Amino acid sequence: KAAMQGHAEARFKLGCLEGAKRNFPRAIRHCLISAKMGNDSSLEMMKRFFQEGFATKQQYAEALEGYQGSLQEMKSPERDEARAALRL
C-alpha cells in the first residue's frame, strides 16, 4: 500500500521481492519508479539488472536520468544553508 502511495523505499522493496521471485519485468518496473523518486538503492539495483542482462540500456538510462532529475528537484539554497549550518 505504501509503495502505491509514493513511498520510494517501499517501492524498492517490492522490486527486491519481485526480483527474488525472478519476476524481472515487475522488479525492473518497481525499481525504475523508485529510482525516479531519488532512491539510490533502486538506481544501484537497476545498474545490476542492466549488467546481468535483465534490463535494457534504455531502462538503465531512464532510471539514471530520473534519479538525477529527482536530485535536481530537491536542491535549493535553503537546503544548502541548512546542511552547512549542521556541519558547524
N, C-alpha and C. Protein backbone atom coordinates (compact mmCIF):
# COMPACT_ATOMS: atom_id res chain seq x y z
N LYS A 1 0.83 -1.20 0.00
CA LYS A 1 0.00 0.00 0.00
C LYS A 1 0.88 1.26 0.00
N ALA A 2 1.93 1.26 0.82
CA ALA A 2 2.81 2.44 0.88
C ALA A 2 3.48 2.69 -0.46
N ALA A 3 3.85 1.62 -1.15
CA ALA A 3 4.50 1.78 -2.45
C ALA A 3 3.58 2.47 -3.45
N MET A 4 2.33 2.11 -3.42
CA MET A 4 1.37 2.70 -4.35
C MET A 4 1.05 4.15 -3.99
N GLN A 5 1.37 4.55 -2.76
CA GLN A 5 1.12 5.92 -2.33
C GLN A 5 2.36 6.80 -2.47
N GLY A 6 3.40 6.29 -3.15
CA GLY A 6 4.55 7.11 -3.46
C GLY A 6 5.73 6.99 -2.51
N HIS A 7 5.80 5.93 -1.72
CA HIS A 7 6.93 5.74 -0.81
C HIS A 7 8.04 5.00 -1.57
N ALA A 8 9.15 5.71 -1.83
CA ALA A 8 10.21 5.17 -2.67
C ALA A 8 10.85 3.91 -2.10
N GLU A 9 11.10 3.88 -0.80
CA GLU A 9 11.74 2.72 -0.18
C GLU A 9 10.82 1.49 -0.27
N ALA A 10 9.53 1.68 -0.07
CA ALA A 10 8.58 0.57 -0.18
C ALA A 10 8.55 0.05 -1.62
N ARG A 11 8.61 0.95 -2.57
CA ARG A 11 8.62 0.56 -3.99
C ARG A 11 9.89 -0.25 -4.29
N PHE A 12 11.03 0.20 -3.74
CA PHE A 12 12.28 -0.53 -3.91
C PHE A 12 12.17 -1.94 -3.33
N LYS A 13 11.59 -2.06 -2.14
CA LYS A 13 11.45 -3.37 -1.50
C LYS A 13 10.55 -4.30 -2.33
N LEU A 14 9.51 -3.75 -2.93
CA LEU A 14 8.68 -4.56 -3.82
C LEU A 14 9.51 -5.06 -5.00
N GLY A 15 10.37 -4.20 -5.51
CA GLY A 15 11.25 -4.60 -6.60
C GLY A 15 12.17 -5.74 -6.19
N CYS A 16 12.68 -5.65 -4.97
CA CYS A 16 13.55 -6.72 -4.46
C CYS A 16 12.78 -8.03 -4.33
N LEU A 17 11.56 -7.95 -3.81
CA LEU A 17 10.74 -9.16 -3.67
C LEU A 17 10.44 -9.79 -5.02
N GLU A 18 10.10 -8.97 -6.00
CA GLU A 18 9.83 -9.48 -7.34
C GLU A 18 11.09 -10.07 -7.96
N GLY A 19 12.23 -9.44 -7.71
CA GLY A 19 13.49 -9.98 -8.22
C GLY A 19 13.82 -11.33 -7.60
N ALA A 20 13.56 -11.47 -6.31
CA ALA A 20 13.79 -12.74 -5.62
C ALA A 20 12.90 -13.85 -6.19
N LYS A 21 11.71 -13.46 -6.67
CA LYS A 21 10.80 -14.42 -7.30
C LYS A 21 11.14 -14.62 -8.78
N ARG A 22 12.20 -13.93 -9.23
CA ARG A 22 12.67 -13.99 -10.62
C ARG A 22 11.64 -13.42 -11.60
N ASN A 23 10.81 -12.52 -11.10
CA ASN A 23 9.86 -11.81 -11.95
C ASN A 23 10.51 -10.47 -12.32
N PHE A 24 11.47 -10.53 -13.22
CA PHE A 24 12.30 -9.37 -13.52
C PHE A 24 11.57 -8.20 -14.17
N PRO A 25 10.61 -8.43 -15.05
CA PRO A 25 9.89 -7.26 -15.60
C PRO A 25 9.22 -6.42 -14.51
N ARG A 26 8.59 -7.08 -13.55
CA ARG A 26 7.95 -6.33 -12.45
C ARG A 26 8.99 -5.71 -11.54
N ALA A 27 10.07 -6.44 -11.26
CA ALA A 27 11.14 -5.90 -10.41
C ALA A 27 11.73 -4.64 -11.03
N ILE A 28 11.96 -4.69 -12.31
CA ILE A 28 12.53 -3.54 -13.02
C ILE A 28 11.55 -2.37 -12.98
N ARG A 29 10.28 -2.65 -13.17
CA ARG A 29 9.28 -1.57 -13.15
C ARG A 29 9.26 -0.87 -11.78
N HIS A 30 9.27 -1.65 -10.70
CA HIS A 30 9.26 -1.07 -9.36
C HIS A 30 10.54 -0.27 -9.09
N CYS A 31 11.68 -0.84 -9.45
CA CYS A 31 12.95 -0.14 -9.20
C CYS A 31 13.09 1.11 -10.06
N LEU A 32 12.59 1.06 -11.27
CA LEU A 32 12.64 2.23 -12.15
C LEU A 32 11.84 3.38 -11.55
N ILE A 33 10.65 3.08 -11.08
CA ILE A 33 9.81 4.11 -10.46
C ILE A 33 10.49 4.68 -9.22
N SER A 34 11.04 3.80 -8.39
CA SER A 34 11.69 4.23 -7.16
C SER A 34 12.95 5.06 -7.45
N ALA A 35 13.72 4.67 -8.45
CA ALA A 35 14.91 5.44 -8.82
C ALA A 35 14.52 6.84 -9.26
N LYS A 36 13.42 6.96 -9.98
CA LYS A 36 12.94 8.27 -10.42
C LYS A 36 12.49 9.13 -9.25
N MET A 37 12.21 8.49 -8.10
CA MET A 37 11.85 9.23 -6.89
C MET A 37 13.09 9.61 -6.08
N GLY A 38 14.26 9.20 -6.56
CA GLY A 38 15.50 9.56 -5.87
C GLY A 38 16.07 8.50 -4.96
N ASN A 39 15.59 7.27 -5.07
CA ASN A 39 16.09 6.19 -4.22
C ASN A 39 17.37 5.62 -4.82
N ASP A 40 18.51 5.84 -4.13
CA ASP A 40 19.80 5.41 -4.66
C ASP A 40 19.94 3.88 -4.71
N SER A 41 19.31 3.17 -3.79
CA SER A 41 19.37 1.70 -3.81
C SER A 41 18.70 1.16 -5.07
N SER A 42 17.63 1.79 -5.49
CA SER A 42 16.94 1.37 -6.71
C SER A 42 17.80 1.62 -7.94
N LEU A 43 18.51 2.73 -7.94
CA LEU A 43 19.40 3.01 -9.06
C LEU A 43 20.49 1.95 -9.13
N GLU A 44 21.05 1.58 -7.99
CA GLU A 44 22.07 0.53 -7.96
C GLU A 44 21.49 -0.80 -8.43
N MET A 45 20.26 -1.10 -8.04
CA MET A 45 19.62 -2.34 -8.47
C MET A 45 19.40 -2.33 -9.98
N MET A 46 18.99 -1.19 -10.52
CA MET A 46 18.81 -1.08 -11.97
C MET A 46 20.14 -1.29 -12.69
N LYS A 47 21.20 -0.78 -12.10
CA LYS A 47 22.54 -0.99 -12.68
C LYS A 47 22.86 -2.48 -12.72
N ARG A 48 22.57 -3.19 -11.62
CA ARG A 48 22.81 -4.64 -11.57
C ARG A 48 21.95 -5.38 -12.58
N PHE A 49 20.66 -5.00 -12.67
CA PHE A 49 19.78 -5.63 -13.65
C PHE A 49 20.33 -5.44 -15.06
N PHE A 50 20.85 -4.26 -15.34
CA PHE A 50 21.42 -3.99 -16.66
C PHE A 50 22.69 -4.82 -16.88
N GLN A 51 23.58 -4.83 -15.90
CA GLN A 51 24.83 -5.58 -16.03
C GLN A 51 24.60 -7.08 -16.21
N GLU A 52 23.54 -7.58 -15.58
CA GLU A 52 23.24 -9.01 -15.66
C GLU A 52 22.33 -9.37 -16.84
N GLY A 53 21.95 -8.36 -17.63
CA GLY A 53 21.19 -8.61 -18.84
C GLY A 53 19.69 -8.67 -18.67
N PHE A 54 19.17 -8.30 -17.52
CA PHE A 54 17.73 -8.33 -17.29
C PHE A 54 17.05 -7.03 -17.72
N ALA A 55 17.76 -5.92 -17.63
CA ALA A 55 17.24 -4.61 -18.03
C ALA A 55 18.00 -4.13 -19.26
N THR A 56 17.33 -3.34 -20.08
CA THR A 56 17.97 -2.81 -21.28
C THR A 56 18.79 -1.56 -20.92
N LYS A 57 19.64 -1.18 -21.85
CA LYS A 57 20.42 0.04 -21.68
C LYS A 57 19.47 1.24 -21.56
N GLN A 58 18.40 1.22 -22.33
CA GLN A 58 17.41 2.30 -22.29
C GLN A 58 16.74 2.38 -20.92
N GLN A 59 16.41 1.25 -20.32
CA GLN A 59 15.79 1.24 -18.99
C GLN A 59 16.75 1.79 -17.94
N TYR A 60 18.02 1.39 -18.03
CA TYR A 60 19.00 1.89 -17.07
C TYR A 60 19.20 3.39 -17.25
N ALA A 61 19.28 3.84 -18.50
CA ALA A 61 19.45 5.27 -18.78
C ALA A 61 18.24 6.06 -18.25
N GLU A 62 17.05 5.51 -18.41
CA GLU A 62 15.84 6.18 -17.91
C GLU A 62 15.88 6.29 -16.38
N ALA A 63 16.35 5.23 -15.72
CA ALA A 63 16.47 5.26 -14.25
C ALA A 63 17.50 6.30 -13.83
N LEU A 64 18.63 6.34 -14.50
CA LEU A 64 19.69 7.28 -14.16
C LEU A 64 19.24 8.73 -14.38
N GLU A 65 18.61 9.00 -15.50
CA GLU A 65 18.12 10.35 -15.78
C GLU A 65 17.04 10.77 -14.78
N GLY A 66 16.15 9.86 -14.46
CA GLY A 66 15.11 10.15 -13.49
C GLY A 66 15.66 10.41 -12.11
N TYR A 67 16.66 9.62 -11.72
CA TYR A 67 17.32 9.79 -10.42
C TYR A 67 17.99 11.16 -10.35
N GLN A 68 18.74 11.51 -11.40
CA GLN A 68 19.43 12.80 -11.43
C GLN A 68 18.44 13.96 -11.42
N GLY A 69 17.33 13.80 -12.14
CA GLY A 69 16.29 14.83 -12.14
C GLY A 69 15.68 15.01 -10.76
N SER A 70 15.50 13.91 -10.06
CA SER A 70 14.95 13.97 -8.70
C SER A 70 15.90 14.72 -7.77
N LEU A 71 17.19 14.46 -7.91
CA LEU A 71 18.17 15.17 -7.08
C LEU A 71 18.17 16.66 -7.38
N GLN A 72 18.04 17.01 -8.65
CA GLN A 72 17.99 18.43 -9.04
C GLN A 72 16.77 19.12 -8.42
N GLU A 73 15.64 18.42 -8.42
CA GLU A 73 14.42 18.99 -7.85
C GLU A 73 14.55 19.27 -6.36
N MET A 74 15.36 18.47 -5.69
CA MET A 74 15.50 18.60 -4.24
C MET A 74 16.53 19.66 -3.84
N LYS A 75 17.28 20.19 -4.80
CA LYS A 75 18.29 21.19 -4.48
C LYS A 75 17.64 22.55 -4.28
N SER A 76 18.15 23.27 -3.28
CA SER A 76 17.70 24.64 -3.06
C SER A 76 18.74 25.35 -2.19
N PRO A 77 18.82 26.67 -2.28
CA PRO A 77 19.77 27.41 -1.44
C PRO A 77 19.48 27.19 0.05
N GLU A 78 18.21 27.08 0.40
CA GLU A 78 17.85 26.87 1.80
C GLU A 78 18.38 25.54 2.33
N ARG A 79 18.28 24.51 1.53
CA ARG A 79 18.81 23.20 1.94
C ARG A 79 20.33 23.25 2.08
N ASP A 80 20.98 23.93 1.15
CA ASP A 80 22.44 24.06 1.23
C ASP A 80 22.86 24.79 2.50
N GLU A 81 22.13 25.85 2.83
CA GLU A 81 22.43 26.60 4.06
C GLU A 81 22.21 25.74 5.30
N ALA A 82 21.13 24.97 5.31
CA ALA A 82 20.85 24.12 6.46
C ALA A 82 21.94 23.04 6.62
N ARG A 83 22.38 22.46 5.48
CA ARG A 83 23.45 21.47 5.53
C ARG A 83 24.73 22.09 6.09
N ALA A 84 25.04 23.29 5.63
CA ALA A 84 26.26 23.98 6.09
C ALA A 84 26.16 24.27 7.59
N ALA A 85 24.99 24.70 8.04
CA ALA A 85 24.81 25.02 9.46
C ALA A 85 24.95 23.78 10.33
N LEU A 86 24.50 22.65 9.85
CA LEU A 86 24.59 21.40 10.61
C LEU A 86 26.03 20.89 10.71
N ARG A 87 26.86 21.28 9.78
CA ARG A 87 28.27 20.85 9.80
C ARG A 87 29.12 21.62 10.79
N LEU A 88 28.59 22.72 11.31
CA LEU A 88 29.37 23.54 12.25
C LEU A 88 29.62 22.86 13.52
